[in-house]
Structure formats: C-alpha cells, structure tokens
C-alpha cells in the first residue's frame, strides 16, 4: 500500500512531468502579414539581426534570373531599412559563402503550367536559407522573406521561422484590359512587380476589342494606326513587357478578340467584316454587330 503522503508526492510529480511535456509540444504563435499565407509556417524562438555587413550568396544551378532577383531583393531591403550594404550586383555562384542569406536551387525552371514553384525557407539566429527546386520557387521564397522583415528599437530583424510553401493553383493570373482602358508601359511594369510580390504567374493582356486595337502590327499597320486613337504598344514595348515579366517568373498571355468584339479591326480593314460599311472605333460597351466574315478570303 502507498501511503497517502507518498500518493500526493507521486501525483504532484506526475502533474509536473505532464505539464512539462505539454509545454514542449506547444508551438509558438506569431502575428504576420504574409500574403498569400504560406502552406506551412513553424515559428521558432530567436531572430536574425540585420546590419550593413549583410550579404546574399547564390548556390546550386541558379541562372541569370536568380542573380537579378537576388540583386533586386537586396536593393529593396536596403530601401526599406536605410542600410547601405557593401554588396551590390550579385553575378555569380558562391561569391559570398559566409553570407547571411543563402539561395539554393537545382534548375532554372520553365514558364509553363505545372512547373515546380515550391520553396523552403528557414530563418535562425545564425543564418537564413531559401531552397527551391527551380528559380521560380526561389523567387517566391525571396518575396516571403522580404515580407518577414520586422523592426524594434535596436533596428531591423527577421524572426526565426521554418516555412514550406507551394502554390495552391497552377494559374494565378491578372487580366488587364488595356483595350477599353489603355494603360501606359510604366503602369504595366508596375503591375508586374506587384504580381511578383504576391506570387502571381500569368499576366493576361486584353489587346483588342470594339474599343481599340492596342498592339503595333507591321504586317497590317492600319490595325493600330486607325484602330487605336494612337494609344498602342509598339512591338519593342511588347517585348519589354514579356522579358520584364519572364525575369519575375510571369508568363504573358495576349488576347485578340474575334470573330465578335472586332469593330476596331474593321476601321482599318473593313473587308474583314461580314457587312460592307464604314466603321469607327466604338465608344460604348455591349455586343456589336457585325462580326468577322469567315467566308472572306482576306479574313
């Protein structure tokens, strides 16, 4: 028989051990503003303190796109913190093996549906690592890393955390209707930067409709000369948009409407239409008649 006093001691020790095991099982909770919210977040204790000696190292099979993304991230970090880092352009593999942030990827990756865009990010008090199968995932990891930045009375820091993330949807797109509401080149580029910040991967450009034809055509120049009010993108500008987006892991999908929603085509080339008349650019919304003539040899 166990004495009642001994019973109380045993019970006390059991409760103490049980409470300790529960404490060990508890995970840290922390408010954050990560967008989109990563698939898995495990907060840990500690922080990585930032100072002007901070550097980024690129390892693995990274290409030019990663070097540019890392350089942009470093400059954005400098702009947010006011710190002047001695590292400027990041142009090669293992330039700074003792760096505070290491980027590791295993292949460049293609701009296509279904490509691996996952990444893993770890921040500890000693180092930070972003690892991804492709450059696309690596760039997503950089965006999450920049969003983690915090500050206190002593300066800027990154909280200790382990993040495993991948997109929920393969097509994460933004459609910009530059036909009905033309936007200049710099606005399109700003939107691409914003898309990259929230890990979107498809820019859908609506380039033609009843209200305008918004891309230069060298084969059929009257399309943009008469169908745009002078508001269109040159082929050089379109290439700049495509290249700018590709550097940020974004595909550009152009849309040209036909056989309906084609009035702007008919302004310069009425022979495309199924009705022989004179056309002007539409200034209102709605479904307009007629459409393109599929029986015409010219069409």
Protein backbone atom coordinates (compact mmCIF):
# COMPACT_ATOMS: atom_id res chain seq x y z
CA UNK A 1 0.00 0.00 0.00
CA UNK A 2 1.19 3.53 -0.86
CA UNK A 3 0.99 5.98 1.99
CA UNK A 4 -1.38 8.92 1.35
CA UNK A 5 1.51 11.37 1.68
CA UNK A 6 3.50 9.41 -0.89
CA UNK A 7 0.45 9.36 -3.15
CA UNK A 8 0.36 13.13 -3.10
CA UNK A 9 4.07 13.29 -3.97
CA UNK A 10 3.64 10.86 -6.87
CA UNK A 11 0.60 12.76 -8.13
CA UNK A 12 2.49 16.07 -7.91
CA UNK A 13 5.44 14.65 -9.86
CA UNK A 14 3.10 13.20 -12.49
CA UNK A 15 1.36 16.55 -12.98
CA UNK A 16 4.72 18.32 -13.18
CA UNK A 17 6.03 15.94 -15.84
CA UNK A 18 2.76 16.05 -17.79
CA UNK A 19 2.76 19.87 -17.78
CA UNK A 20 6.37 19.91 -18.95
CA UNK A 21 5.61 17.58 -21.83
CA UNK A 22 2.70 19.77 -22.89
CA UNK A 23 4.90 22.84 -22.78
CA UNK A 24 7.38 21.08 -25.04
CA UNK A 25 4.60 20.27 -27.50
CA UNK A 26 3.33 23.83 -27.73
CA UNK A 27 4.28 25.80 -30.85
CA UNK A 28 4.99 29.49 -30.95
CA UNK A 29 2.24 31.71 -32.30
CA UNK A 30 3.04 34.97 -34.04
CA UNK A 31 1.04 37.56 -35.93
CA UNK A 32 2.18 38.05 -39.50
CA UNK A 33 1.21 39.79 -42.73
CA UNK A 34 2.45 37.19 -45.21
CA UNK A 35 0.45 37.23 -48.44
CA UNK A 36 -0.52 34.78 -49.69
CA UNK A 37 -0.32 32.80 -46.46
CA UNK A 38 2.27 30.01 -46.85
CA UNK A 39 1.16 26.39 -46.75
CA UNK A 40 3.17 25.58 -43.59
CA UNK A 41 4.59 28.01 -41.01
CA UNK A 42 6.50 26.94 -37.91
CA UNK A 43 7.66 29.86 -35.77
CA UNK A 44 10.76 29.33 -33.65
CA UNK A 45 12.47 31.35 -30.95
CA UNK A 46 15.17 33.84 -31.85
CA UNK A 47 15.80 36.44 -34.54
CA UNK A 48 18.34 37.17 -37.26
CA UNK A 49 19.58 40.71 -36.63
CA UNK A 50 20.33 42.77 -39.74
CA UNK A 51 23.28 45.16 -40.22
CA UNK A 52 25.22 46.68 -43.11
CA UNK A 53 27.53 43.65 -43.39
CA UNK A 54 24.64 41.51 -44.61
CA UNK A 55 25.22 39.65 -47.89
CA UNK A 56 23.38 37.17 -50.12
CA UNK A 57 25.03 34.05 -51.55
CA UNK A 58 23.68 32.10 -54.53
CA UNK A 59 24.44 28.38 -54.80
CA UNK A 60 23.36 25.40 -56.87
CA UNK A 61 22.28 25.64 -60.51
CA UNK A 62 20.94 29.17 -60.50
CA UNK A 63 20.94 31.24 -63.66
CA UNK A 64 20.78 34.89 -64.66
CA UNK A 65 17.18 35.21 -63.47
CA UNK A 66 18.18 34.30 -59.91
CA UNK A 67 21.09 36.74 -59.85
CA UNK A 68 18.80 39.57 -60.95
CA UNK A 69 16.09 38.58 -58.46
CA UNK A 70 18.62 38.43 -55.61
CA UNK A 71 20.03 41.83 -56.57
CA UNK A 72 16.54 43.36 -56.67
CA UNK A 73 15.73 41.84 -53.27
CA UNK A 74 18.93 43.27 -51.76
CA UNK A 75 18.13 46.74 -53.08
CA UNK A 76 14.55 46.56 -51.85
CA UNK A 77 15.86 45.53 -48.43
CA UNK A 78 18.25 48.50 -48.46
CA UNK A 79 15.41 50.84 -49.42
CA UNK A 80 13.20 49.63 -46.58
CA UNK A 81 15.86 49.67 -43.88
CA UNK A 82 18.10 52.57 -44.92
CA UNK A 83 21.11 50.27 -44.59
CA UNK A 84 23.86 50.59 -47.19
CA UNK A 85 25.14 47.09 -47.90
CA UNK A 86 28.62 46.71 -49.36
CA UNK A 87 27.31 44.04 -51.74
CA UNK A 88 25.92 45.48 -54.99
CA UNK A 89 25.32 43.29 -58.03
CA UNK A 90 25.06 39.54 -57.45
CA UNK A 91 26.53 37.94 -60.56
CA UNK A 92 27.92 34.50 -59.74
CA UNK A 93 27.76 31.28 -57.78
CA UNK A 94 29.27 31.21 -54.26
CA UNK A 95 30.54 34.78 -54.31
CA UNK A 96 29.82 35.13 -50.57
CA UNK A 97 29.88 31.67 -48.92
CA UNK A 98 29.65 33.22 -45.42
CA UNK A 99 26.60 35.33 -46.33
CA UNK A 100 23.61 35.80 -44.05
CA UNK A 101 21.16 34.51 -46.68
CA UNK A 102 21.89 31.56 -48.96
CA UNK A 103 19.80 30.85 -52.05
CA UNK A 104 19.88 27.30 -53.39
CA UNK A 105 18.06 25.93 -56.43
CA UNK A 106 18.62 22.91 -58.64
CA UNK A 107 17.38 24.03 -62.08
CA UNK A 108 16.11 27.14 -63.81
CA UNK A 109 12.51 26.03 -64.42
CA UNK A 110 10.18 26.78 -67.31
CA UNK A 111 7.36 29.32 -67.55
CA UNK A 112 4.59 26.78 -68.00
CA UNK A 113 1.62 25.34 -66.14
CA UNK A 114 2.55 22.62 -63.69
CA UNK A 115 6.16 23.71 -63.16
CA UNK A 116 7.51 23.25 -59.63
CA UNK A 117 7.21 26.60 -57.81
CA UNK A 118 7.65 25.33 -54.25
CA UNK A 119 10.26 26.57 -51.81
CA UNK A 120 11.51 26.08 -48.27
CA UNK A 121 12.67 28.99 -46.12
CA UNK A 122 14.44 28.81 -42.78
CA UNK A 123 15.49 31.70 -40.56
CA UNK A 124 17.59 31.14 -37.44
CA UNK A 125 19.69 33.45 -35.32
CA UNK A 126 22.80 32.38 -37.26
CA UNK A 127 21.70 32.07 -40.89
CA UNK A 128 18.87 32.20 -43.39
CA UNK A 129 18.35 29.71 -46.23
CA UNK A 130 15.89 29.61 -49.13
CA UNK A 131 15.91 26.33 -51.06
CA UNK A 132 13.83 25.51 -54.13
CA UNK A 133 13.74 23.04 -56.99
CA UNK A 134 13.53 25.87 -59.56
CA UNK A 135 14.34 29.56 -59.86
CA UNK A 136 10.59 30.22 -59.87
CA UNK A 137 10.22 28.81 -56.37
CA UNK A 138 13.34 30.65 -55.26
CA UNK A 139 11.83 33.99 -56.35
CA UNK A 140 8.64 33.21 -54.42
CA UNK A 141 10.76 32.46 -51.38
CA UNK A 142 12.51 35.83 -51.71
CA UNK A 143 9.15 37.60 -51.68
CA UNK A 144 8.10 35.80 -48.50
CA UNK A 145 11.49 36.56 -46.94
CA UNK A 146 11.11 40.29 -47.63
CA UNK A 147 7.63 40.23 -46.08
CA UNK A 148 9.09 38.76 -42.88
CA UNK A 149 11.18 41.87 -42.15
CA UNK A 150 10.40 43.49 -38.78
CA UNK A 151 11.91 46.24 -36.64
CA UNK A 152 12.35 47.18 -32.99
CA UNK A 153 14.26 49.81 -31.01
CA UNK A 154 17.56 48.17 -31.94
CA UNK A 155 16.96 48.01 -35.70
CA UNK A 156 15.71 45.50 -38.25
CA UNK A 157 15.49 41.74 -37.97
CA UNK A 158 13.92 38.57 -39.37
CA UNK A 159 12.04 36.31 -36.92
CA UNK A 160 13.14 32.68 -36.68
CA UNK A 161 10.80 30.51 -38.72
CA UNK A 162 10.56 27.45 -40.95
CA UNK A 163 8.26 27.85 -43.97
CA UNK A 164 7.32 25.23 -46.55
CA UNK A 165 5.21 26.61 -49.35
CA UNK A 166 3.86 25.83 -52.80
CA UNK A 167 1.07 27.36 -54.92
CA UNK A 168 -2.44 26.07 -54.42
CA UNK A 169 -3.39 26.92 -58.01
CA UNK A 170 -1.14 26.48 -61.10
CA UNK A 171 -2.70 29.50 -62.88
CA UNK A 172 -2.61 32.63 -60.72
CA UNK A 173 -3.42 35.38 -63.16
CA UNK A 174 -4.29 39.03 -63.53
CA UNK A 175 -6.20 40.31 -66.57
CA UNK A 176 -5.57 43.92 -67.60
CA UNK A 177 -7.99 45.29 -70.20
CA UNK A 178 -5.73 47.76 -71.99
CA UNK A 179 -8.20 47.83 -74.86
CA UNK A 180 -11.08 49.57 -73.11
CA UNK A 181 -8.84 51.34 -70.56
CA UNK A 182 -5.40 51.83 -72.07
CA UNK A 183 -2.52 51.81 -69.59
CA UNK A 184 0.97 53.10 -70.47
CA UNK A 185 4.04 50.89 -70.36
CA UNK A 186 5.28 52.00 -66.93
CA UNK A 187 1.92 51.13 -65.35
CA UNK A 188 2.05 47.62 -66.84
CA UNK A 189 5.56 47.13 -65.47
CA UNK A 190 4.47 48.35 -62.02
CA UNK A 191 1.63 45.83 -62.09
CA UNK A 192 4.09 43.06 -62.96
CA UNK A 193 6.17 43.98 -59.91
CA UNK A 194 3.03 43.86 -57.76
CA UNK A 195 2.08 40.48 -59.24
CA UNK A 196 5.51 39.06 -58.40
CA UNK A 197 5.20 40.33 -54.82
CA UNK A 198 2.12 38.16 -54.27
CA UNK A 199 3.42 35.24 -56.36
CA UNK A 200 1.08 35.54 -59.34
CA UNK A 201 2.37 33.91 -62.53
CA UNK A 202 0.19 34.86 -65.53
CA UNK A 203 -0.43 38.33 -66.99
CA UNK A 204 -3.42 38.23 -69.34
CA UNK A 205 -3.33 41.25 -71.66
CA UNK A 206 -6.63 42.04 -73.41
CA UNK A 207 -5.24 43.73 -76.53
CA UNK A 208 -8.19 44.07 -78.91
CA UNK A 209 -11.93 44.72 -78.75
CA UNK A 210 -14.55 47.01 -80.29
CA UNK A 211 -12.95 49.96 -78.50
CA UNK A 212 -9.40 49.58 -79.78
CA UNK A 213 -6.54 47.53 -81.21
CA UNK A 214 -3.58 48.08 -78.87
CA UNK A 215 -0.54 46.44 -80.47
CA UNK A 216 1.58 47.55 -83.40
CA UNK A 217 1.22 45.33 -86.46
CA UNK A 218 3.89 45.63 -89.12
CA UNK A 219 2.08 43.21 -91.44
CA UNK A 220 -1.27 45.06 -91.17
CA UNK A 221 -0.36 48.56 -89.92
CA UNK A 222 -3.86 50.02 -90.31
CA UNK A 223 -4.94 47.88 -87.35
CA UNK A 224 -3.11 50.10 -84.88
CA UNK A 225 -2.90 53.24 -87.00
CA UNK A 226 -6.69 53.58 -87.38
CA UNK A 227 -7.98 51.37 -84.59
CA UNK A 228 -6.23 52.74 -81.52
CA UNK A 229 -6.58 56.56 -81.28
CA UNK A 230 -2.78 56.47 -81.17
CA UNK A 231 -2.82 54.50 -77.90
CA UNK A 232 -0.99 51.23 -78.53
CA UNK A 233 2.13 49.29 -77.61
CA UNK A 234 4.95 49.06 -80.11
CA UNK A 235 6.41 45.62 -80.77
CA UNK A 236 9.52 46.74 -78.91
CA UNK A 237 7.39 47.62 -75.86
CA UNK A 238 5.60 44.27 -76.02
CA UNK A 239 8.99 42.52 -75.99
CA UNK A 240 9.98 44.61 -72.98
CA UNK A 241 6.80 43.58 -71.16
CA UNK A 242 7.35 39.89 -71.96
CA UNK A 243 11.02 39.99 -70.89
CA UNK A 244 10.30 42.02 -67.75
CA UNK A 245 7.59 39.55 -66.74
CA UNK A 246 9.73 36.49 -67.51
CA UNK A 247 12.51 37.78 -65.25
CA UNK A 248 9.94 37.75 -62.44
CA UNK A 249 8.53 34.30 -63.20
CA UNK A 250 5.42 35.56 -65.02
CA UNK A 251 4.06 34.48 -68.41
CA UNK A 252 2.28 36.96 -70.66
CA UNK A 253 -0.84 35.66 -72.42
CA UNK A 254 -2.09 38.04 -75.16
CA UNK A 255 -5.77 38.07 -76.17
CA UNK A 256 -7.13 39.23 -79.54
CA UNK A 257 -10.92 39.01 -79.79
CA UNK A 258 -12.60 37.54 -82.88
CA UNK A 259 -14.95 36.98 -84.69
CA UNK A 260 -17.05 39.26 -82.47
CA UNK A 261 -15.76 42.25 -80.48
CA UNK A 262 -13.80 43.18 -83.62
CA UNK A 263 -15.02 46.65 -84.64
CA UNK A 264 -11.56 48.19 -84.15
CA UNK A 265 -10.18 45.75 -86.74
CA UNK A 266 -12.77 46.90 -89.28
CA UNK A 267 -11.82 50.59 -89.01
CA UNK A 268 -8.62 49.93 -90.94
CA UNK A 269 -9.70 46.78 -92.79
CA UNK A 270 -13.47 46.82 -93.42
CA UNK A 271 -13.07 43.88 -95.81
CA UNK A 272 -12.69 41.66 -92.72
CA UNK A 273 -16.30 42.36 -91.74
CA UNK A 274 -19.43 40.48 -92.72
CA UNK A 275 -21.14 43.81 -93.54
CA UNK A 276 -19.95 46.26 -96.19
CA UNK A 277 -19.99 49.65 -94.48
CA UNK A 278 -17.71 52.29 -92.92
CA UNK A 279 -16.57 51.70 -89.33
CA UNK A 280 -15.38 53.85 -86.44
CA UNK A 281 -14.00 52.84 -83.07
CA UNK A 282 -16.80 52.07 -80.62
CA UNK A 283 -17.12 54.45 -77.67
CA UNK A 284 -19.66 52.42 -75.68
CA UNK A 285 -19.99 48.92 -74.28
CA UNK A 286 -22.10 45.99 -75.40
CA UNK A 287 -22.17 43.33 -78.10
CA UNK A 288 -21.70 44.95 -81.50
CA UNK A 289 -22.76 43.67 -84.92
CA UNK A 290 -21.44 42.54 -87.29
CA UNK A 291 -18.54 40.17 -86.71
CA UNK A 292 -15.75 38.95 -88.95
CA UNK A 293 -16.66 37.26 -92.21
CA UNK A 294 -15.36 33.66 -92.13
CA UNK A 295 -16.24 33.20 -95.83
CA UNK A 296 -13.93 36.01 -96.94
CA UNK A 297 -10.58 35.00 -98.44
CA UNK A 298 -8.99 38.09 -96.86
CA UNK A 299 -10.20 37.06 -93.40
